[in-house]
Amino acid sequence: MKLSRKMKRYLSLYVLFVLFLNFGIINVYAEGDPLTVVNNLSNFIFSLIRAIGMILLGFGVVQVGLSLKSHDASQRANGFLTVAGGIIITFAKEILNLIVGG
């Protein structure tokens, strides 16, 4: 397989980049209880999910309001589905806790 000069240069840069990534690893040692770190990460992720759910909930309410003004039934149905999805996403952590029983 013949490679042009430009392709050889790109390939060598790619290989160099991969080598830098492999040899630039720094060991990091966690301090304290690892379960606390996992719980903190879980709380952070669920707070992000809650924020997304609140945004969807607000968007759904606006969509329902606009559909009531324009008398559009399909937009109203989509708005109620968006509101329902926003509620489920907002309370995802509580729903999972109820399912798991924790």
N, C-alpha and C. Protein backbone atom coordinates (compact mmCIF):
# COMPACT_ATOMS: atom_id res chain seq x y z
N MET A 1 0.85 -1.17 0.00
CA MET A 1 0.00 0.00 0.00
C MET A 1 0.90 1.24 0.00
N LYS A 2 0.74 2.03 -1.01
CA LYS A 2 1.53 3.25 -1.13
C LYS A 2 0.81 4.40 -0.45
N LEU A 3 1.54 5.12 0.37
CA LEU A 3 0.99 6.29 1.05
C LEU A 3 1.68 7.53 0.53
N SER A 4 0.91 8.55 0.36
CA SER A 4 1.51 9.80 -0.08
C SER A 4 2.27 10.42 1.09
N ARG A 5 3.01 11.43 0.80
CA ARG A 5 3.79 12.11 1.83
C ARG A 5 2.90 12.71 2.90
N LYS A 6 1.78 13.25 2.46
CA LYS A 6 0.85 13.88 3.38
C LYS A 6 0.23 12.83 4.31
N MET A 7 -0.12 11.68 3.77
CA MET A 7 -0.73 10.61 4.58
C MET A 7 0.30 10.03 5.56
N LYS A 8 1.57 9.90 5.13
CA LYS A 8 2.61 9.43 6.04
C LYS A 8 2.79 10.40 7.21
N ARG A 9 2.70 11.67 6.91
CA ARG A 9 2.85 12.67 7.97
C ARG A 9 1.68 12.58 8.95
N TYR A 10 0.46 12.45 8.43
CA TYR A 10 -0.70 12.32 9.31
C TYR A 10 -0.62 11.04 10.14
N LEU A 11 -0.17 9.97 9.53
CA LEU A 11 -0.04 8.70 10.25
C LEU A 11 0.99 8.80 11.35
N SER A 12 2.12 9.44 11.07
CA SER A 12 3.16 9.59 12.09
C SER A 12 2.68 10.49 13.23
N LEU A 13 1.94 11.54 12.91
CA LEU A 13 1.39 12.40 13.96
C LEU A 13 0.38 11.64 14.82
N TYR A 14 -0.41 10.80 14.18
CA TYR A 14 -1.38 10.00 14.92
C TYR A 14 -0.68 9.01 15.86
N VAL A 15 0.35 8.33 15.36
CA VAL A 15 1.10 7.38 16.19
C VAL A 15 1.77 8.11 17.34
N LEU A 16 2.33 9.26 17.09
CA LEU A 16 2.96 10.06 18.15
C LEU A 16 1.94 10.47 19.20
N PHE A 17 0.77 10.87 18.77
CA PHE A 17 -0.30 11.26 19.69
C PHE A 17 -0.73 10.09 20.57
N VAL A 18 -0.88 8.91 19.97
CA VAL A 18 -1.27 7.72 20.73
C VAL A 18 -0.18 7.35 21.73
N LEU A 19 1.07 7.45 21.35
CA LEU A 19 2.16 7.16 22.28
C LEU A 19 2.18 8.14 23.44
N PHE A 20 1.95 9.41 23.16
CA PHE A 20 1.90 10.40 24.24
C PHE A 20 0.76 10.09 25.21
N LEU A 21 -0.38 9.66 24.68
CA LEU A 21 -1.49 9.32 25.55
C LEU A 21 -1.17 8.11 26.42
N ASN A 22 -0.48 7.13 25.86
CA ASN A 22 -0.18 5.92 26.63
C ASN A 22 0.90 6.14 27.67
N PHE A 23 1.89 6.95 27.38
CA PHE A 23 2.98 7.14 28.32
C PHE A 23 2.77 8.31 29.26
N GLY A 24 1.74 9.08 29.06
CA GLY A 24 1.47 10.22 29.91
C GLY A 24 0.50 9.91 31.04
N ILE A 25 0.39 8.65 31.42
CA ILE A 25 -0.55 8.26 32.46
C ILE A 25 0.03 8.59 33.83
N ILE A 26 -0.79 9.22 34.65
CA ILE A 26 -0.39 9.58 36.01
C ILE A 26 -1.25 8.77 36.97
N ASN A 27 -0.62 8.12 37.92
CA ASN A 27 -1.37 7.37 38.92
C ASN A 27 -2.00 8.33 39.91
N VAL A 28 -3.27 8.11 40.17
CA VAL A 28 -4.00 8.93 41.13
C VAL A 28 -4.53 8.00 42.20
N TYR A 29 -4.25 8.33 43.43
CA TYR A 29 -4.70 7.50 44.54
C TYR A 29 -5.82 8.22 45.26
N ALA A 30 -6.95 7.54 45.40
CA ALA A 30 -8.10 8.14 46.07
C ALA A 30 -7.90 8.06 47.58
N GLU A 31 -8.36 9.10 48.24
CA GLU A 31 -8.26 9.14 49.69
C GLU A 31 -9.65 9.00 50.28
N GLY A 32 -9.75 8.24 51.34
CA GLY A 32 -11.03 8.09 52.01
C GLY A 32 -11.80 6.88 51.50
N ASP A 33 -13.07 6.89 51.82
CA ASP A 33 -13.95 5.77 51.49
C ASP A 33 -14.36 5.84 50.02
N PRO A 34 -14.13 4.78 49.25
CA PRO A 34 -14.51 4.83 47.83
C PRO A 34 -16.02 4.88 47.64
N LEU A 35 -16.78 4.35 48.59
CA LEU A 35 -18.23 4.38 48.48
C LEU A 35 -18.76 5.81 48.55
N THR A 36 -18.10 6.65 49.32
CA THR A 36 -18.49 8.06 49.40
C THR A 36 -18.29 8.76 48.06
N VAL A 37 -17.20 8.43 47.39
CA VAL A 37 -16.92 9.03 46.08
C VAL A 37 -17.99 8.60 45.08
N VAL A 38 -18.36 7.33 45.10
CA VAL A 38 -19.38 6.83 44.19
C VAL A 38 -20.73 7.48 44.48
N ASN A 39 -21.07 7.64 45.76
CA ASN A 39 -22.32 8.29 46.13
C ASN A 39 -22.35 9.76 45.70
N ASN A 40 -21.22 10.44 45.85
CA ASN A 40 -21.15 11.84 45.41
C ASN A 40 -21.32 11.95 43.90
N LEU A 41 -20.69 11.04 43.16
CA LEU A 41 -20.84 11.03 41.70
C LEU A 41 -22.28 10.73 41.31
N SER A 42 -22.90 9.79 42.01
CA SER A 42 -24.29 9.44 41.73
C SER A 42 -25.21 10.63 42.00
N ASN A 43 -24.98 11.32 43.10
CA ASN A 43 -25.79 12.51 43.40
C ASN A 43 -25.61 13.60 42.34
N PHE A 44 -24.39 13.77 41.87
CA PHE A 44 -24.12 14.78 40.84
C PHE A 44 -24.83 14.43 39.53
N ILE A 45 -24.73 13.16 39.13
CA ILE A 45 -25.37 12.73 37.88
C ILE A 45 -26.89 12.87 37.98
N PHE A 46 -27.46 12.47 39.12
CA PHE A 46 -28.90 12.59 39.28
C PHE A 46 -29.35 14.05 39.35
N SER A 47 -28.50 14.95 39.84
CA SER A 47 -28.86 16.37 39.83
C SER A 47 -28.87 16.90 38.40
N LEU A 48 -27.93 16.42 37.56
CA LEU A 48 -27.95 16.81 36.14
C LEU A 48 -29.20 16.28 35.45
N ILE A 49 -29.57 15.03 35.75
CA ILE A 49 -30.77 14.44 35.16
C ILE A 49 -32.00 15.21 35.61
N ARG A 50 -32.03 15.62 36.89
CA ARG A 50 -33.16 16.40 37.41
C ARG A 50 -33.28 17.74 36.68
N ALA A 51 -32.13 18.37 36.40
CA ALA A 51 -32.16 19.66 35.69
C ALA A 51 -32.72 19.48 34.28
N ILE A 52 -32.32 18.41 33.61
CA ILE A 52 -32.84 18.14 32.26
C ILE A 52 -34.34 17.88 32.33
N GLY A 53 -34.78 17.14 33.34
CA GLY A 53 -36.21 16.88 33.52
C GLY A 53 -37.00 18.16 33.75
N MET A 54 -36.44 19.07 34.53
CA MET A 54 -37.13 20.35 34.78
C MET A 54 -37.24 21.18 33.50
N ILE A 55 -36.20 21.14 32.68
CA ILE A 55 -36.24 21.86 31.41
C ILE A 55 -37.33 21.27 30.51
N LEU A 56 -37.39 19.93 30.43
CA LEU A 56 -38.44 19.29 29.63
C LEU A 56 -39.82 19.60 30.19
N LEU A 57 -39.94 19.62 31.50
CA LEU A 57 -41.22 19.93 32.13
C LEU A 57 -41.68 21.34 31.77
N GLY A 58 -40.78 22.28 31.84
CA GLY A 58 -41.12 23.66 31.46
C GLY A 58 -41.47 23.78 29.99
N PHE A 59 -40.72 23.09 29.14
CA PHE A 59 -41.02 23.12 27.72
C PHE A 59 -42.38 22.51 27.43
N GLY A 60 -42.72 21.43 28.13
CA GLY A 60 -44.02 20.80 27.94
C GLY A 60 -45.17 21.70 28.36
N VAL A 61 -44.99 22.42 29.47
CA VAL A 61 -46.04 23.35 29.92
C VAL A 61 -46.24 24.46 28.90
N VAL A 62 -45.15 24.98 28.36
CA VAL A 62 -45.27 26.03 27.33
C VAL A 62 -45.95 25.47 26.09
N GLN A 63 -45.62 24.24 25.72
CA GLN A 63 -46.22 23.63 24.54
C GLN A 63 -47.73 23.42 24.74
N VAL A 64 -48.14 22.99 25.93
CA VAL A 64 -49.56 22.82 26.22
C VAL A 64 -50.27 24.17 26.18
N GLY A 65 -49.65 25.20 26.75
CA GLY A 65 -50.24 26.53 26.72
C GLY A 65 -50.43 27.07 25.32
N LEU A 66 -49.42 26.87 24.48
CA LEU A 66 -49.54 27.32 23.09
C LEU A 66 -50.59 26.53 22.33
N SER A 67 -50.73 25.23 22.67
CA SER A 67 -51.74 24.43 21.97
C SER A 67 -53.15 24.83 22.39
N LEU A 68 -53.32 25.24 23.63
CA LEU A 68 -54.64 25.69 24.07
C LEU A 68 -55.03 26.99 23.37
N LYS A 69 -54.03 27.82 23.10
CA LYS A 69 -54.30 29.09 22.42
C LYS A 69 -54.65 28.85 20.95
N SER A 70 -53.97 27.89 20.31
CA SER A 70 -54.18 27.68 18.88
C SER A 70 -55.17 26.57 18.57
N HIS A 71 -55.71 25.91 19.58
CA HIS A 71 -56.68 24.83 19.43
C HIS A 71 -56.13 23.69 18.56
N ASP A 72 -54.87 23.34 18.79
CA ASP A 72 -54.21 22.28 18.03
C ASP A 72 -54.14 21.03 18.91
N ALA A 73 -54.89 20.00 18.53
CA ALA A 73 -54.98 18.79 19.36
C ALA A 73 -53.68 17.99 19.37
N SER A 74 -53.01 17.89 18.23
CA SER A 74 -51.77 17.11 18.19
C SER A 74 -50.66 17.78 19.00
N GLN A 75 -50.61 19.11 18.95
CA GLN A 75 -49.62 19.83 19.75
C GLN A 75 -49.94 19.68 21.24
N ARG A 76 -51.22 19.64 21.58
CA ARG A 76 -51.63 19.46 22.97
C ARG A 76 -51.21 18.08 23.47
N ALA A 77 -51.41 17.05 22.63
CA ALA A 77 -51.01 15.70 23.01
C ALA A 77 -49.50 15.60 23.20
N ASN A 78 -48.75 16.22 22.28
CA ASN A 78 -47.29 16.23 22.42
C ASN A 78 -46.86 16.99 23.67
N GLY A 79 -47.57 18.06 23.98
CA GLY A 79 -47.26 18.83 25.19
C GLY A 79 -47.48 18.02 26.45
N PHE A 80 -48.60 17.28 26.51
CA PHE A 80 -48.86 16.46 27.69
C PHE A 80 -47.87 15.31 27.79
N LEU A 81 -47.46 14.74 26.67
CA LEU A 81 -46.44 13.70 26.70
C LEU A 81 -45.09 14.25 27.17
N THR A 82 -44.77 15.47 26.75
CA THR A 82 -43.53 16.09 27.19
C THR A 82 -43.58 16.40 28.68
N VAL A 83 -44.73 16.85 29.17
CA VAL A 83 -44.89 17.11 30.61
C VAL A 83 -44.73 15.81 31.39
N ALA A 84 -45.36 14.74 30.92
CA ALA A 84 -45.26 13.45 31.60
C ALA A 84 -43.81 12.95 31.60
N GLY A 85 -43.14 13.07 30.47
CA GLY A 85 -41.73 12.67 30.41
C GLY A 85 -40.85 13.50 31.31
N GLY A 86 -41.12 14.81 31.37
CA GLY A 86 -40.36 15.68 32.26
C GLY A 86 -40.54 15.31 33.72
N ILE A 87 -41.78 14.95 34.09
CA ILE A 87 -42.03 14.55 35.48
C ILE A 87 -41.29 13.25 35.80
N ILE A 88 -41.33 12.30 34.88
CA ILE A 88 -40.64 11.02 35.11
C ILE A 88 -39.14 11.23 35.21
N ILE A 89 -38.57 12.06 34.34
CA ILE A 89 -37.13 12.30 34.37
C ILE A 89 -36.75 13.09 35.62
N THR A 90 -37.58 14.05 36.03
CA THR A 90 -37.28 14.85 37.21
C THR A 90 -37.22 13.98 38.46
N PHE A 91 -38.13 13.05 38.58
CA PHE A 91 -38.18 12.21 39.78
C PHE A 91 -37.60 10.82 39.52
N ALA A 92 -36.61 10.72 38.64
CA ALA A 92 -36.02 9.42 38.30
C ALA A 92 -35.35 8.77 39.50
N LYS A 93 -34.64 9.55 40.31
CA LYS A 93 -33.94 8.97 41.46
C LYS A 93 -34.93 8.41 42.46
N GLU A 94 -36.01 9.14 42.73
CA GLU A 94 -37.00 8.65 43.68
C GLU A 94 -37.72 7.42 43.14
N ILE A 95 -37.98 7.40 41.85
CA ILE A 95 -38.64 6.23 41.24
C ILE A 95 -37.72 5.01 41.34
N LEU A 96 -36.44 5.18 41.05
CA LEU A 96 -35.50 4.07 41.16
C LEU A 96 -35.36 3.58 42.60
N ASN A 97 -35.37 4.51 43.56
CA ASN A 97 -35.32 4.11 44.95
C ASN A 97 -36.55 3.33 45.37
N LEU A 98 -37.73 3.71 44.83
CA LEU A 98 -38.94 2.94 45.13
C LEU A 98 -38.88 1.53 44.53
N ILE A 99 -38.34 1.44 43.31
CA ILE A 99 -38.26 0.13 42.65
C ILE A 99 -37.27 -0.77 43.39
N VAL A 100 -36.09 -0.22 43.69
CA VAL A 100 -35.05 -1.02 44.34
C VAL A 100 -35.40 -1.29 45.80
N GLY A 101 -36.07 -0.32 46.42
CA GLY A 101 -36.43 -0.48 47.83
C GLY A 101 -35.36 0.02 48.78
N GLY A 102 -34.56 0.97 48.30
CA GLY A 102 -33.46 1.44 49.15
C GLY A 102 -33.68 2.74 49.76
